[in-house]
């Protein structure tokens, strides 16, 4: 936690790189892209930046749904963190989720978070 302020910008840079790689070689980097977006989301949750966390996690959720079934275990963690964001800031989370996905907040996201986010 002490180095979180240093880690967040670097994780954002890594996410930018994986976005570009995903465009250049679709599916080749989907797992790493999803993991990096989720990692950024986790750090933003830890910092209490609910809207920013939701944006990163919504991106991870969207991309992660494209993963092969055997690699989708990360979606459970993403789901728990999105629920926590919604519990902490429903309006901001709804706005950020809609901005990333074009969708309203799904019902599962409105459920109370269960277990630790990571």
PDB file of N, CA and C in Angstrom:
ATOM      1  N   UNK A   1       0.812  -1.194   0.000  1.00  0.00           N
ATOM      2  CA  UNK A   1       0.000   0.000   0.000  1.00  0.00           C
ATOM      3  C   UNK A   1       0.860   1.264   0.000  1.00  0.00           C
ATOM      4  N   UNK A   2       2.024   1.195   0.626  1.00  0.00           N
ATOM      5  CA  UNK A   2       2.855   2.393   0.711  1.00  0.00           C
ATOM      6  C   UNK A   2       3.249   2.916  -0.652  1.00  0.00           C
ATOM      7  N   UNK A   3       3.403   2.038  -1.619  1.00  0.00           N
ATOM      8  CA  UNK A   3       3.902   2.460  -2.925  1.00  0.00           C
ATOM      9  C   UNK A   3       2.797   2.589  -3.962  1.00  0.00           C
ATOM     10  N   UNK A   4       1.551   2.535  -3.495  1.00  0.00           N
ATOM     11  CA  UNK A   4       0.416   2.624  -4.402  1.00  0.00           C
ATOM     12  C   UNK A   4       0.449   3.878  -5.271  1.00  0.00           C
ATOM     13  N   UNK A   5       0.761   5.051  -4.722  1.00  0.00           N
ATOM     14  CA  UNK A   5       0.811   6.240  -5.583  1.00  0.00           C
ATOM     15  C   UNK A   5       1.822   6.116  -6.727  1.00  0.00           C
ATOM     16  N   UNK A   6       2.889   5.375  -6.515  1.00  0.00           N
ATOM     17  CA  UNK A   6       3.873   5.156  -7.578  1.00  0.00           C
ATOM     18  C   UNK A   6       3.405   4.084  -8.555  1.00  0.00           C
ATOM     19  N   UNK A   7       2.689   3.104  -8.053  1.00  0.00           N
ATOM     20  CA  UNK A   7       2.281   1.962  -8.876  1.00  0.00           C
ATOM     21  C   UNK A   7       1.151   2.307  -9.841  1.00  0.00           C
ATOM     22  N   UNK A   8       0.230   3.147  -9.433  1.00  0.00           N
ATOM     23  CA  UNK A   8      -0.941   3.414 -10.275  1.00  0.00           C
ATOM     24  C   UNK A   8      -0.584   3.996 -11.647  1.00  0.00           C
ATOM     25  N   UNK A   9       0.270   5.019 -11.736  1.00  0.00           N
ATOM     26  CA  UNK A   9       0.614   5.529 -13.067  1.00  0.00           C
ATOM     27  C   UNK A   9       1.321   4.493 -13.941  1.00  0.00           C
ATOM     28  N   UNK A  10       2.148   3.668 -13.330  1.00  0.00           N
ATOM     29  CA  UNK A  10       2.851   2.633 -14.095  1.00  0.00           C
ATOM     30  C   UNK A  10       1.875   1.571 -14.593  1.00  0.00           C
ATOM     31  N   UNK A  11       0.895   1.244 -13.768  1.00  0.00           N
ATOM     32  CA  UNK A  11      -0.115   0.270 -14.181  1.00  0.00           C
ATOM     33  C   UNK A  11      -0.970   0.843 -15.299  1.00  0.00           C
ATOM     34  N   UNK A  12      -1.265   2.142 -15.237  1.00  0.00           N
ATOM     35  CA  UNK A  12      -2.010   2.792 -16.334  1.00  0.00           C
ATOM     36  C   UNK A  12      -1.209   2.720 -17.639  1.00  0.00           C
ATOM     37  N   UNK A  13       0.095   2.936 -17.550  1.00  0.00           N
ATOM     38  CA  UNK A  13       0.947   2.836 -18.748  1.00  0.00           C
ATOM     39  C   UNK A  13       0.932   1.425 -19.318  1.00  0.00           C
ATOM     40  N   UNK A  14       1.020   0.448 -18.440  1.00  0.00           N
ATOM     41  CA  UNK A  14       0.983  -0.946 -18.887  1.00  0.00           C
ATOM     42  C   UNK A  14      -0.349  -1.256 -19.563  1.00  0.00           C
ATOM     43  N   UNK A  15      -1.433  -0.738 -19.001  1.00  0.00           N
ATOM     44  CA  UNK A  15      -2.745  -0.964 -19.596  1.00  0.00           C
ATOM     45  C   UNK A  15      -2.828  -0.345 -20.991  1.00  0.00           C
ATOM     46  N   UNK A  16      -2.280   0.841 -21.148  1.00  0.00           N
ATOM     47  CA  UNK A  16      -2.244   1.473 -22.474  1.00  0.00           C
ATOM     48  C   UNK A  16      -1.496   0.596 -23.479  1.00  0.00           C
ATOM     49  N   UNK A  17      -0.408   0.004 -23.048  1.00  0.00           N
ATOM     50  CA  UNK A  17       0.374  -0.870 -23.926  1.00  0.00           C
ATOM     51  C   UNK A  17      -0.442  -2.098 -24.312  1.00  0.00           C
ATOM     52  N   UNK A  18      -1.107  -2.717 -23.338  1.00  0.00           N
ATOM     53  CA  UNK A  18      -1.900  -3.911 -23.647  1.00  0.00           C
ATOM     54  C   UNK A  18      -3.101  -3.593 -24.527  1.00  0.00           C
ATOM     55  N   UNK A  19      -3.675  -2.405 -24.391  1.00  0.00           N
ATOM     56  CA  UNK A  19      -4.757  -2.000 -25.312  1.00  0.00           C
ATOM     57  C   UNK A  19      -4.234  -1.989 -26.742  1.00  0.00           C
ATOM     58  N   UNK A  20      -3.062  -1.383 -26.934  1.00  0.00           N
ATOM     59  CA  UNK A  20      -2.461  -1.329 -28.268  1.00  0.00           C
ATOM     60  C   UNK A  20      -2.117  -2.722 -28.793  1.00  0.00           C
ATOM     61  N   UNK A  21      -1.579  -3.552 -27.934  1.00  0.00           N
ATOM     62  CA  UNK A  21      -1.246  -4.914 -28.348  1.00  0.00           C
ATOM     63  C   UNK A  21      -2.500  -5.698 -28.719  1.00  0.00           C
ATOM     64  N   UNK A  22      -3.570  -5.504 -27.994  1.00  0.00           N
ATOM     65  CA  UNK A  22      -4.827  -6.195 -28.282  1.00  0.00           C
ATOM     66  C   UNK A  22      -5.364  -5.792 -29.652  1.00  0.00           C
ATOM     67  N   UNK A  23      -5.193  -4.529 -30.007  1.00  0.00           N
ATOM     68  CA  UNK A  23      -5.627  -4.068 -31.327  1.00  0.00           C
ATOM     69  C   UNK A  23      -4.743  -4.705 -32.412  1.00  0.00           C
ATOM     70  N   UNK A  24      -3.451  -4.751 -32.156  1.00  0.00           N
ATOM     71  CA  UNK A  24      -2.514  -5.291 -33.142  1.00  0.00           C
ATOM     72  C   UNK A  24      -2.660  -6.802 -33.321  1.00  0.00           C
ATOM     73  N   UNK A  25      -2.903  -7.504 -32.213  1.00  0.00           N
ATOM     74  CA  UNK A  25      -3.018  -8.973 -32.269  1.00  0.00           C
ATOM     75  C   UNK A  25      -4.162  -9.428 -31.377  1.00  0.00           C
ATOM     76  N   UNK A  26      -5.385  -9.282 -31.861  1.00  0.00           N
ATOM     77  CA  UNK A  26      -6.546  -9.670 -31.050  1.00  0.00           C
ATOM     78  C   UNK A  26      -6.401 -11.097 -30.515  1.00  0.00           C
ATOM     79  N   UNK A  27      -6.778 -11.256 -29.295  1.00  0.00           N
ATOM     80  CA  UNK A  27      -6.770 -12.506 -28.516  1.00  0.00           C
ATOM     81  C   UNK A  27      -5.384 -12.923 -28.021  1.00  0.00           C
ATOM     82  N   UNK A  28      -4.317 -12.479 -28.638  1.00  0.00           N
ATOM     83  CA  UNK A  28      -2.989 -12.883 -28.190  1.00  0.00           C
ATOM     84  C   UNK A  28      -2.666 -12.328 -26.807  1.00  0.00           C
ATOM     85  N   UNK A  29      -3.209 -11.172 -26.498  1.00  0.00           N
ATOM     86  CA  UNK A  29      -2.895 -10.507 -25.229  1.00  0.00           C
ATOM     87  C   UNK A  29      -4.120 -10.309 -24.346  1.00  0.00           C
ATOM     88  N   UNK A  30      -5.219 -10.986 -24.648  1.00  0.00           N
ATOM     89  CA  UNK A  30      -6.462 -10.774 -23.908  1.00  0.00           C
ATOM     90  C   UNK A  30      -6.298 -11.057 -22.418  1.00  0.00           C
ATOM     91  N   UNK A  31      -5.627 -12.145 -22.072  1.00  0.00           N
ATOM     92  CA  UNK A  31      -5.460 -12.497 -20.660  1.00  0.00           C
ATOM     93  C   UNK A  31      -4.636 -11.432 -19.923  1.00  0.00           C
ATOM     94  N   UNK A  32      -3.531 -11.016 -20.516  1.00  0.00           N
ATOM     95  CA  UNK A  32      -2.678 -10.003 -19.879  1.00  0.00           C
ATOM     96  C   UNK A  32      -3.393  -8.660 -19.803  1.00  0.00           C
ATOM     97  N   UNK A  33      -4.124  -8.329 -20.841  1.00  0.00           N
ATOM     98  CA  UNK A  33      -4.907  -7.082 -20.870  1.00  0.00           C
ATOM     99  C   UNK A  33      -5.932  -7.090 -19.742  1.00  0.00           C
ATOM    100  N   UNK A  34      -6.668  -8.191 -19.622  1.00  0.00           N
ATOM    101  CA  UNK A  34      -7.677  -8.312 -18.566  1.00  0.00           C
ATOM    102  C   UNK A  34      -7.034  -8.201 -17.194  1.00  0.00           C
ATOM    103  N   UNK A  35      -5.945  -8.918 -16.986  1.00  0.00           N
ATOM    104  CA  UNK A  35      -5.255  -8.912 -15.695  1.00  0.00           C
ATOM    105  C   UNK A  35      -4.746  -7.511 -15.346  1.00  0.00           C
ATOM    106  N   UNK A  36      -4.202  -6.826 -16.314  1.00  0.00           N
ATOM    107  CA  UNK A  36      -3.668  -5.487 -16.057  1.00  0.00           C
ATOM    108  C   UNK A  36      -4.785  -4.504 -15.722  1.00  0.00           C
ATOM    109  N   UNK A  37      -5.896  -4.565 -16.447  1.00  0.00           N
ATOM    110  CA  UNK A  37      -7.035  -3.691 -16.141  1.00  0.00           C
ATOM    111  C   UNK A  37      -7.585  -4.001 -14.751  1.00  0.00           C
ATOM    112  N   UNK A  38      -7.651  -5.286 -14.400  1.00  0.00           N
ATOM    113  CA  UNK A  38      -8.122  -5.675 -13.066  1.00  0.00           C
ATOM    114  C   UNK A  38      -7.157  -5.214 -11.977  1.00  0.00           C
ATOM    115  N   UNK A  39      -5.880  -5.307 -12.253  1.00  0.00           N
ATOM    116  CA  UNK A  39      -4.873  -4.853 -11.281  1.00  0.00           C
ATOM    117  C   UNK A  39      -4.988  -3.351 -11.047  1.00  0.00           C
ATOM    118  N   UNK A  40      -5.165  -2.602 -12.117  1.00  0.00           N
ATOM    119  CA  UNK A  40      -5.369  -1.163 -11.955  1.00  0.00           C
ATOM    120  C   UNK A  40      -6.643  -0.907 -11.150  1.00  0.00           C
ATOM    121  N   UNK A  41      -7.713  -1.616 -11.496  1.00  0.00           N
ATOM    122  CA  UNK A  41      -8.964  -1.463 -10.747  1.00  0.00           C
ATOM    123  C   UNK A  41      -8.782  -1.756  -9.269  1.00  0.00           C
ATOM    124  N   UNK A  42      -8.054  -2.814  -8.960  1.00  0.00           N
ATOM    125  CA  UNK A  42      -7.791  -3.165  -7.560  1.00  0.00           C
ATOM    126  C   UNK A  42      -7.055  -2.038  -6.837  1.00  0.00           C
ATOM    127  N   UNK A  43      -6.030  -1.509  -7.464  1.00  0.00           N
ATOM    128  CA  UNK A  43      -5.286  -0.405  -6.844  1.00  0.00           C
ATOM    129  C   UNK A  43      -6.164   0.812  -6.617  1.00  0.00           C
ATOM    130  N   UNK A  44      -7.034   1.098  -7.564  1.00  0.00           N
ATOM    131  CA  UNK A  44      -7.937   2.247  -7.424  1.00  0.00           C
ATOM    132  C   UNK A  44      -8.993   1.995  -6.352  1.00  0.00           C
ATOM    133  N   UNK A  45      -9.431   0.737  -6.204  1.00  0.00           N
ATOM    134  CA  UNK A  45     -10.334   0.386  -5.098  1.00  0.00           C
ATOM    135  C   UNK A  45      -9.617   0.636  -3.780  1.00  0.00           C
ATOM    136  N   UNK A  46      -8.376   0.178  -3.680  1.00  0.00           N
ATOM    137  CA  UNK A  46      -7.605   0.370  -2.448  1.00  0.00           C
ATOM    138  C   UNK A  46      -7.432   1.855  -2.121  1.00  0.00           C
ATOM    139  N   UNK A  47      -7.375   2.682  -3.157  1.00  0.00           N
ATOM    140  CA  UNK A  47      -7.227   4.130  -2.956  1.00  0.00           C
ATOM    141  C   UNK A  47      -8.577   4.814  -2.715  1.00  0.00           C
ATOM    142  N   UNK A  48      -9.674   4.066  -2.840  1.00  0.00           N
ATOM    143  CA  UNK A  48     -11.005   4.644  -2.642  1.00  0.00           C
ATOM    144  C   UNK A  48     -11.470   5.511  -3.797  1.00  0.00           C
ATOM    145  N   UNK A  49     -10.902   5.306  -4.964  1.00  0.00           N
ATOM    146  CA  UNK A  49     -11.271   6.071  -6.161  1.00  0.00           C
ATOM    147  C   UNK A  49     -12.284   5.244  -6.957  1.00  0.00           C
ATOM    148  N   UNK A  50     -13.531   5.267  -6.487  1.00  0.00           N
ATOM    149  CA  UNK A  50     -14.567   4.339  -6.939  1.00  0.00           C
ATOM    150  C   UNK A  50     -14.897   4.476  -8.426  1.00  0.00           C
ATOM    151  N   UNK A  51     -15.048   5.688  -8.922  1.00  0.00           N
ATOM    152  CA  UNK A  51     -15.382   5.855 -10.342  1.00  0.00           C
ATOM    153  C   UNK A  51     -14.239   5.401 -11.238  1.00  0.00           C
ATOM    154  N   UNK A  52     -13.027   5.793 -10.914  1.00  0.00           N
ATOM    155  CA  UNK A  52     -11.867   5.362 -11.705  1.00  0.00           C
ATOM    156  C   UNK A  52     -11.697   3.851 -11.633  1.00  0.00           C
ATOM    157  N   UNK A  53     -11.904   3.291 -10.444  1.00  0.00           N
ATOM    158  CA  UNK A  53     -11.819   1.837 -10.286  1.00  0.00           C
ATOM    159  C   UNK A  53     -12.868   1.149 -11.141  1.00  0.00           C
ATOM    160  N   UNK A  54     -14.076   1.693 -11.148  1.00  0.00           N
ATOM    161  CA  UNK A  54     -15.149   1.101 -11.950  1.00  0.00           C
ATOM    162  C   UNK A  54     -14.801   1.121 -13.425  1.00  0.00           C
ATOM    163  N   UNK A  55     -14.238   2.212 -13.896  1.00  0.00           N
ATOM    164  CA  UNK A  55     -13.870   2.292 -15.316  1.00  0.00           C
ATOM    165  C   UNK A  55     -12.857   1.203 -15.674  1.00  0.00           C
ATOM    166  N   UNK A  56     -11.828   1.044 -14.865  1.00  0.00           N
ATOM    167  CA  UNK A  56     -10.818   0.012 -15.135  1.00  0.00           C
ATOM    168  C   UNK A  56     -11.414  -1.384 -15.019  1.00  0.00           C
ATOM    169  N   UNK A  57     -12.233  -1.592 -13.998  1.00  0.00           N
ATOM    170  CA  UNK A  57     -12.831  -2.913 -13.793  1.00  0.00           C
ATOM    171  C   UNK A  57     -13.865  -3.248 -14.854  1.00  0.00           C
ATOM    172  N   UNK A  58     -14.608  -2.252 -15.299  1.00  0.00           N
ATOM    173  CA  UNK A  58     -15.576  -2.484 -16.377  1.00  0.00           C
ATOM    174  C   UNK A  58     -14.847  -2.865 -17.664  1.00  0.00           C
ATOM    175  N   UNK A  59     -13.707  -2.242 -17.890  1.00  0.00           N
ATOM    176  CA  UNK A  59     -12.892  -2.614 -19.047  1.00  0.00           C
ATOM    177  C   UNK A  59     -12.397  -4.053 -18.894  1.00  0.00           C
ATOM    178  N   UNK A  60     -11.916  -4.396 -17.707  1.00  0.00           N
ATOM    179  CA  UNK A  60     -11.449  -5.762 -17.449  1.00  0.00           C
ATOM    180  C   UNK A  60     -12.586  -6.765 -17.618  1.00  0.00           C
ATOM    181  N   UNK A  61     -13.759  -6.426 -17.125  1.00  0.00           N
ATOM    182  CA  UNK A  61     -14.929  -7.304 -17.229  1.00  0.00           C
ATOM    183  C   UNK A  61     -15.322  -7.512 -18.691  1.00  0.00           C
ATOM    184  N   UNK A  62     -15.324  -6.426 -19.459  1.00  0.00           N
ATOM    185  CA  UNK A  62     -15.707  -6.502 -20.867  1.00  0.00           C
ATOM    186  C   UNK A  62     -14.728  -7.365 -21.650  1.00  0.00           C
ATOM    187  N   UNK A  63     -13.451  -7.114 -21.471  1.00  0.00           N
ATOM    188  CA  UNK A  63     -12.426  -7.878 -22.192  1.00  0.00           C
ATOM    189  C   UNK A  63     -12.356  -9.310 -21.661  1.00  0.00           C
ATOM    190  N   UNK A  64     -12.476  -9.463 -20.357  1.00  0.00           N
ATOM    191  CA  UNK A  64     -12.365 -10.777 -19.734  1.00  0.00           C
ATOM    192  C   UNK A  64     -13.435 -11.755 -20.167  1.00  0.00           C
ATOM    193  N   UNK A  65     -14.579 -11.257 -20.557  1.00  0.00           N
ATOM    194  CA  UNK A  65     -15.643 -12.153 -21.035  1.00  0.00           C
ATOM    195  C   UNK A  65     -15.268 -12.817 -22.350  1.00  0.00           C
ATOM    196  N   UNK A  66     -14.232 -12.286 -23.009  1.00  0.00           N
ATOM    197  CA  UNK A  66     -13.753 -12.883 -24.264  1.00  0.00           C
ATOM    198  C   UNK A  66     -12.725 -13.985 -24.019  1.00  0.00           C
ATOM    199  N   UNK A  67     -12.296 -14.150 -22.784  1.00  0.00           N
ATOM    200  CA  UNK A  67     -11.296 -15.174 -22.469  1.00  0.00           C
ATOM    201  C   UNK A  67     -11.882 -16.570 -22.645  1.00  0.00           C
ATOM    202  N   UNK A  68     -11.032 -17.545 -22.945  1.00  0.00           N
ATOM    203  CA  UNK A  68     -11.503 -18.931 -22.956  1.00  0.00           C
ATOM    204  C   UNK A  68     -12.040 -19.298 -21.565  1.00  0.00           C
ATOM    205  N   UNK A  69     -12.972 -20.202 -21.530  1.00  0.00           N
ATOM    206  CA  UNK A  69     -13.629 -20.584 -20.274  1.00  0.00           C
ATOM    207  C   UNK A  69     -12.631 -20.909 -19.163  1.00  0.00           C
ATOM    208  N   UNK A  70     -11.551 -21.610 -19.469  1.00  0.00           N
ATOM    209  CA  UNK A  70     -10.591 -22.012 -18.438  1.00  0.00           C
ATOM    210  C   UNK A  70      -9.789 -20.840 -17.868  1.00  0.00           C
ATOM    211  N   UNK A  71      -9.847 -19.675 -18.481  1.00  0.00           N
ATOM    212  CA  UNK A  71      -9.127 -18.498 -17.988  1.00  0.00           C
ATOM    213  C   UNK A  71     -10.041 -17.461 -17.343  1.00  0.00           C
ATOM    214  N   UNK A  72     -11.307 -17.765 -17.194  1.00  0.00           N
ATOM    215  CA  UNK A  72     -12.265 -16.777 -16.714  1.00  0.00           C
ATOM    216  C   UNK A  72     -12.358 -16.662 -15.197  1.00  0.00           C
ATOM    217  N   UNK A  73     -11.525 -17.334 -14.456  1.00  0.00           N
ATOM    218  CA  UNK A  73     -11.617 -17.251 -12.997  1.00  0.00           C
ATOM    219  C   UNK A  73     -11.406 -15.832 -12.484  1.00  0.00           C
ATOM    220  N   UNK A  74     -10.718 -14.999 -13.221  1.00  0.00           N
ATOM    221  CA  UNK A  74     -10.494 -13.614 -12.803  1.00  0.00           C
ATOM    222  C   UNK A  74     -11.801 -12.825 -12.766  1.00  0.00           C
ATOM    223  N   UNK A  75     -12.800 -13.275 -13.506  1.00  0.00           N
ATOM    224  CA  UNK A  75     -14.069 -12.543 -13.534  1.00  0.00           C
ATOM    225  C   UNK A  75     -14.745 -12.513 -12.167  1.00  0.00           C
ATOM    226  N   UNK A  76     -14.533 -13.523 -11.340  1.00  0.00           N
ATOM    227  CA  UNK A  76     -15.091 -13.517  -9.986  1.00  0.00           C
ATOM    228  C   UNK A  76     -14.516 -12.374  -9.154  1.00  0.00           C
ATOM    229  N   UNK A  77     -13.227 -12.179  -9.238  1.00  0.00           N
ATOM    230  CA  UNK A  77     -12.576 -11.077  -8.516  1.00  0.00           C
ATOM    231  C   UNK A  77     -13.064  -9.732  -9.041  1.00  0.00           C
ATOM    232  N   UNK A  78     -13.154  -9.609 -10.353  1.00  0.00           N
ATOM    233  CA  UNK A  78     -13.630  -8.362 -10.961  1.00  0.00           C
ATOM    234  C   UNK A  78     -15.055  -8.074 -10.509  1.00  0.00           C
ATOM    235  N   UNK A  79     -15.896  -9.104 -10.484  1.00  0.00           N
ATOM    236  CA  UNK A  79     -17.284  -8.953 -10.048  1.00  0.00           C
ATOM    237  C   UNK A  79     -17.350  -8.449  -8.613  1.00  0.00           C
ATOM    238  N   UNK A  80     -16.567  -9.053  -7.717  1.00  0.00           N
ATOM    239  CA  UNK A  80     -16.574  -8.611  -6.311  1.00  0.00           C
ATOM    240  C   UNK A  80     -16.131  -7.157  -6.175  1.00  0.00           C
ATOM    241  N   UNK A  81     -15.108  -6.767  -6.935  1.00  0.00           N
ATOM    242  CA  UNK A  81     -14.642  -5.375  -6.840  1.00  0.00           C
ATOM    243  C   UNK A  81     -15.668  -4.403  -7.422  1.00  0.00           C
ATOM    244  N   UNK A  82     -16.329  -4.780  -8.519  1.00  0.00           N
ATOM    245  CA  UNK A  82     -17.378  -3.914  -9.071  1.00  0.00           C
ATOM    246  C   UNK A  82     -18.529  -3.763  -8.089  1.00  0.00           C
ATOM    247  N   UNK A  83     -18.891  -4.827  -7.396  1.00  0.00           N
ATOM    248  CA  UNK A  83     -19.940  -4.741  -6.370  1.00  0.00           C
ATOM    249  C   UNK A  83     -19.527  -3.808  -5.238  1.00  0.00           C
ATOM    250  N   UNK A  84     -18.274  -3.884  -4.858  1.00  0.00           N
ATOM    251  CA  UNK A  84     -17.798  -2.993  -3.793  1.00  0.00           C
ATOM    252  C   UNK A  84     -17.862  -1.536  -4.245  1.00  0.00           C
ATOM    253  N   UNK A  85     -17.434  -1.275  -5.470  1.00  0.00           N
ATOM    254  CA  UNK A  85     -17.504   0.089  -6.002  1.00  0.00           C
ATOM    255  C   UNK A  85     -18.938   0.588  -5.976  1.00  0.00           C
ATOM    256  N   UNK A  86     -19.856  -0.251  -6.408  1.00  0.00           N
ATOM    257  CA  UNK A  86     -21.262   0.145  -6.438  1.00  0.00           C
ATOM    258  C   UNK A  86     -21.780   0.408  -5.022  1.00  0.00           C
ATOM    259  N   UNK A  87     -21.379  -0.427  -4.076  1.00  0.00           N
ATOM    260  CA  UNK A  87     -21.803  -0.244  -2.686  1.00  0.00           C
ATOM    261  C   UNK A  87     -21.278   1.070  -2.111  1.00  0.00           C
ATOM    262  N   UNK A  88     -20.097   1.473  -2.533  1.00  0.00           N
ATOM    263  CA  UNK A  88     -19.477   2.691  -2.013  1.00  0.00           C
ATOM    264  C   UNK A  88     -19.979   3.956  -2.700  1.00  0.00           C
ATOM    265  N   UNK A  89     -20.260   3.879  -4.000  1.00  0.00           N
ATOM    266  CA  UNK A  89     -20.665   5.059  -4.774  1.00  0.00           C
ATOM    267  C   UNK A  89     -21.520   4.612  -5.955  1.00  0.00           C
ATOM    268  N   UNK A  90     -22.805   4.380  -5.688  1.00  0.00           N
ATOM    269  CA  UNK A  90     -23.699   3.830  -6.712  1.00  0.00           C
ATOM    270  C   UNK A  90     -23.810   4.744  -7.934  1.00  0.00           C
ATOM    271  N   UNK A  91     -23.982   6.033  -7.719  1.00  0.00           N
ATOM    272  CA  UNK A  91     -24.170   6.956  -8.844  1.00  0.00           C
ATOM    273  C   UNK A  91     -22.905   7.080  -9.685  1.00  0.00           C
ATOM    274  N   UNK A  92     -21.775   7.262  -9.041  1.00  0.00           N
ATOM    275  CA  UNK A  92     -20.509   7.389  -9.768  1.00  0.00           C
ATOM    276  C   UNK A  92     -20.154   6.105 -10.496  1.00  0.00           C
ATOM    277  N   UNK A  93     -20.412   4.988  -9.849  1.00  0.00           N
ATOM    278  CA  UNK A  93     -20.146   3.690 -10.460  1.00  0.00           C
ATOM    279  C   UNK A  93     -21.023   3.479 -11.685  1.00  0.00           C
ATOM    280  N   UNK A  94     -22.296   3.824 -11.567  1.00  0.00           N
ATOM    281  CA  UNK A  94     -23.220   3.668 -12.699  1.00  0.00           C
ATOM    282  C   UNK A  94     -22.761   4.499 -13.886  1.00  0.00           C
ATOM    283  N   UNK A  95     -22.342   5.720 -13.620  1.00  0.00           N
ATOM    284  CA  UNK A  95     -21.876   6.608 -14.681  1.00  0.00           C
ATOM    285  C   UNK A  95     -20.617   6.057 -15.353  1.00  0.00           C
ATOM    286  N   UNK A  96     -19.663   5.613 -14.554  1.00  0.00           N
ATOM    287  CA  UNK A  96     -18.406   5.084 -15.099  1.00  0.00           C
ATOM    288  C   UNK A  96     -18.651   3.784 -15.865  1.00  0.00           C
ATOM    289  N   UNK A  97     -19.491   2.906 -15.329  1.00  0.00           N
ATOM    290  CA  UNK A  97     -19.779   1.639 -15.996  1.00  0.00           C
ATOM    291  C   UNK A  97     -20.440   1.893 -17.346  1.00  0.00           C
ATOM    292  N   UNK A  98     -21.390   2.815 -17.374  1.00  0.00           N
ATOM    293  CA  UNK A  98     -22.088   3.153 -18.614  1.00  0.00           C
ATOM    294  C   UNK A  98     -21.120   3.768 -19.631  1.00  0.00           C
ATOM    295  N   UNK A  99     -20.205   4.612 -19.166  1.00  0.00           N
ATOM    296  CA  UNK A  99     -19.249   5.255 -20.074  1.00  0.00           C
ATOM    297  C   UNK A  99     -18.346   4.227 -20.757  1.00  0.00           C
ATOM    298  N   UNK A 100     -17.976   3.183 -20.038  1.00  0.00           N
ATOM    299  CA  UNK A 100     -17.068   2.173 -20.593  1.00  0.00           C
ATOM    300  C   UNK A 100     -17.812   1.141 -21.434  1.00  0.00           C
ATOM    301  N   UNK A 101     -18.964   0.685 -20.935  1.00  0.00           N
ATOM    302  CA  UNK A 101     -19.637  -0.450 -21.571  1.00  0.00           C
ATOM    303  C   UNK A 101     -20.823  -0.061 -22.449  1.00  0.00           C
ATOM    304  N   UNK A 102     -21.370   1.145 -22.215  1.00  0.00           N
ATOM    305  CA  UNK A 102     -22.591   1.532 -22.915  1.00  0.00           C
ATOM    306  C   UNK A 102     -23.825   0.893 -22.311  1.00  0.00           C
ATOM    307  N   UNK A 103     -23.666   0.235 -21.166  1.00  0.00           N
ATOM    308  CA  UNK A 103     -24.757  -0.486 -20.514  1.00  0.00           C
ATOM    309  C   UNK A 103     -25.102   0.133 -19.172  1.00  0.00           C
ATOM    310  N   UNK A 104     -26.336  -0.068 -18.749  1.00  0.00           N
ATOM    311  CA  UNK A 104     -26.704   0.269 -17.381  1.00  0.00           C
ATOM    312  C   UNK A 104     -26.079  -0.766 -16.449  1.00  0.00           C
ATOM    313  N   UNK A 105     -25.992  -0.417 -15.186  1.00  0.00           N
ATOM    314  CA  UNK A 105     -25.429  -1.338 -14.201  1.00  0.00           C
ATOM    315  C   UNK A 105     -26.294  -2.599 -14.151  1.00  0.00           C
ATOM    316  N   UNK A 106     -25.687  -3.770 -14.342  1.00  0.00           N
ATOM    317  CA  UNK A 106     -26.459  -5.005 -14.272  1.00  0.00           C
ATOM    318  C   UNK A 106     -26.875  -5.323 -12.833  1.00  0.00           C
ATOM    319  N   UNK A 107     -27.913  -6.108 -12.706  1.00  0.00           N
ATOM    320  CA  UNK A 107     -28.433  -6.460 -11.383  1.00  0.00           C
ATOM    321  C   UNK A 107     -27.398  -7.108 -10.483  1.00  0.00           C
ATOM    322  N   UNK A 108     -26.544  -7.963 -11.038  1.00  0.00           N
ATOM    323  CA  UNK A 108     -25.547  -8.648 -10.208  1.00  0.00           C
ATOM    324  C   UNK A 108     -24.584  -7.670  -9.553  1.00  0.00           C
ATOM    325  N   UNK A 109     -24.388  -6.525 -10.188  1.00  0.00           N
ATOM    326  CA  UNK A 109     -23.449  -5.544  -9.648  1.00  0.00           C
ATOM    327  C   UNK A 109     -24.045  -4.791  -8.454  1.00  0.00           C
ATOM    328  N   UNK A 110     -25.353  -4.784  -8.370  1.00  0.00           N
ATOM    329  CA  UNK A 110     -26.044  -4.099  -7.273  1.00  0.00           C
ATOM    330  C   UNK A 110     -26.125  -4.966  -6.013  1.00  0.00           C
ATOM    331  N   UNK A 111     -25.761  -6.219  -6.140  1.00  0.00           N
ATOM    332  CA  UNK A 111     -25.768  -7.109  -4.977  1.00  0.00           C
ATOM    333  C   UNK A 111     -24.655  -6.707  -4.018  1.00  0.00           C
ATOM    334  N   UNK A 112     -24.838  -6.960  -2.729  1.00  0.00           N
ATOM    335  CA  UNK A 112     -23.784  -6.608  -1.765  1.00  0.00           C
ATOM    336  C   UNK A 112     -22.498  -7.377  -2.070  1.00  0.00           C
ATOM    337  N   UNK A 113     -21.366  -6.717  -1.885  1.00  0.00           N
ATOM    338  CA  UNK A 113     -20.093  -7.411  -2.112  1.00  0.00           C
ATOM    339  C   UNK A 113     -19.919  -8.523  -1.084  1.00  0.00           C
ATOM    340  N   UNK A 114     -19.293  -9.606  -1.494  1.00  0.00           N
ATOM    341  CA  UNK A 114     -19.030 -10.701  -0.570  1.00  0.00           C
ATOM    342  C   UNK A 114     -17.565 -11.035  -0.617  1.00  0.00           C
ATOM    343  N   UNK A 115     -16.980 -11.196   0.536  1.00  0.00           N
ATOM    344  CA  UNK A 115     -15.571 -11.570   0.609  1.00  0.00           C
ATOM    345  C   UNK A 115     -14.658 -10.400   0.275  1.00  0.00           C
ATOM    346  N   UNK A 116     -13.384 -10.596   0.503  1.00  0.00           N
ATOM    347  CA  UNK A 116     -12.410  -9.551   0.210  1.00  0.00           C
ATOM    348  C   UNK A 116     -12.240  -9.396  -1.302  1.00  0.00           C
ATOM    349  N   UNK A 117     -11.921  -8.177  -1.760  1.00  0.00           N
ATOM    350  CA  UNK A 117     -11.766  -7.961  -3.184  1.00  0.00           C
ATOM    351  C   UNK A 117     -10.532  -8.614  -3.769  1.00  0.00           C
ATOM    352  N   UNK A 118      -9.682  -9.131  -3.006  1.00  0.00           N
ATOM    353  CA  UNK A 118      -8.487  -9.736  -3.578  1.00  0.00           C
ATOM    354  C   UNK A 118      -7.699 -10.404  -2.607  1.00  0.00           C
TER     355      UNK A 118
END
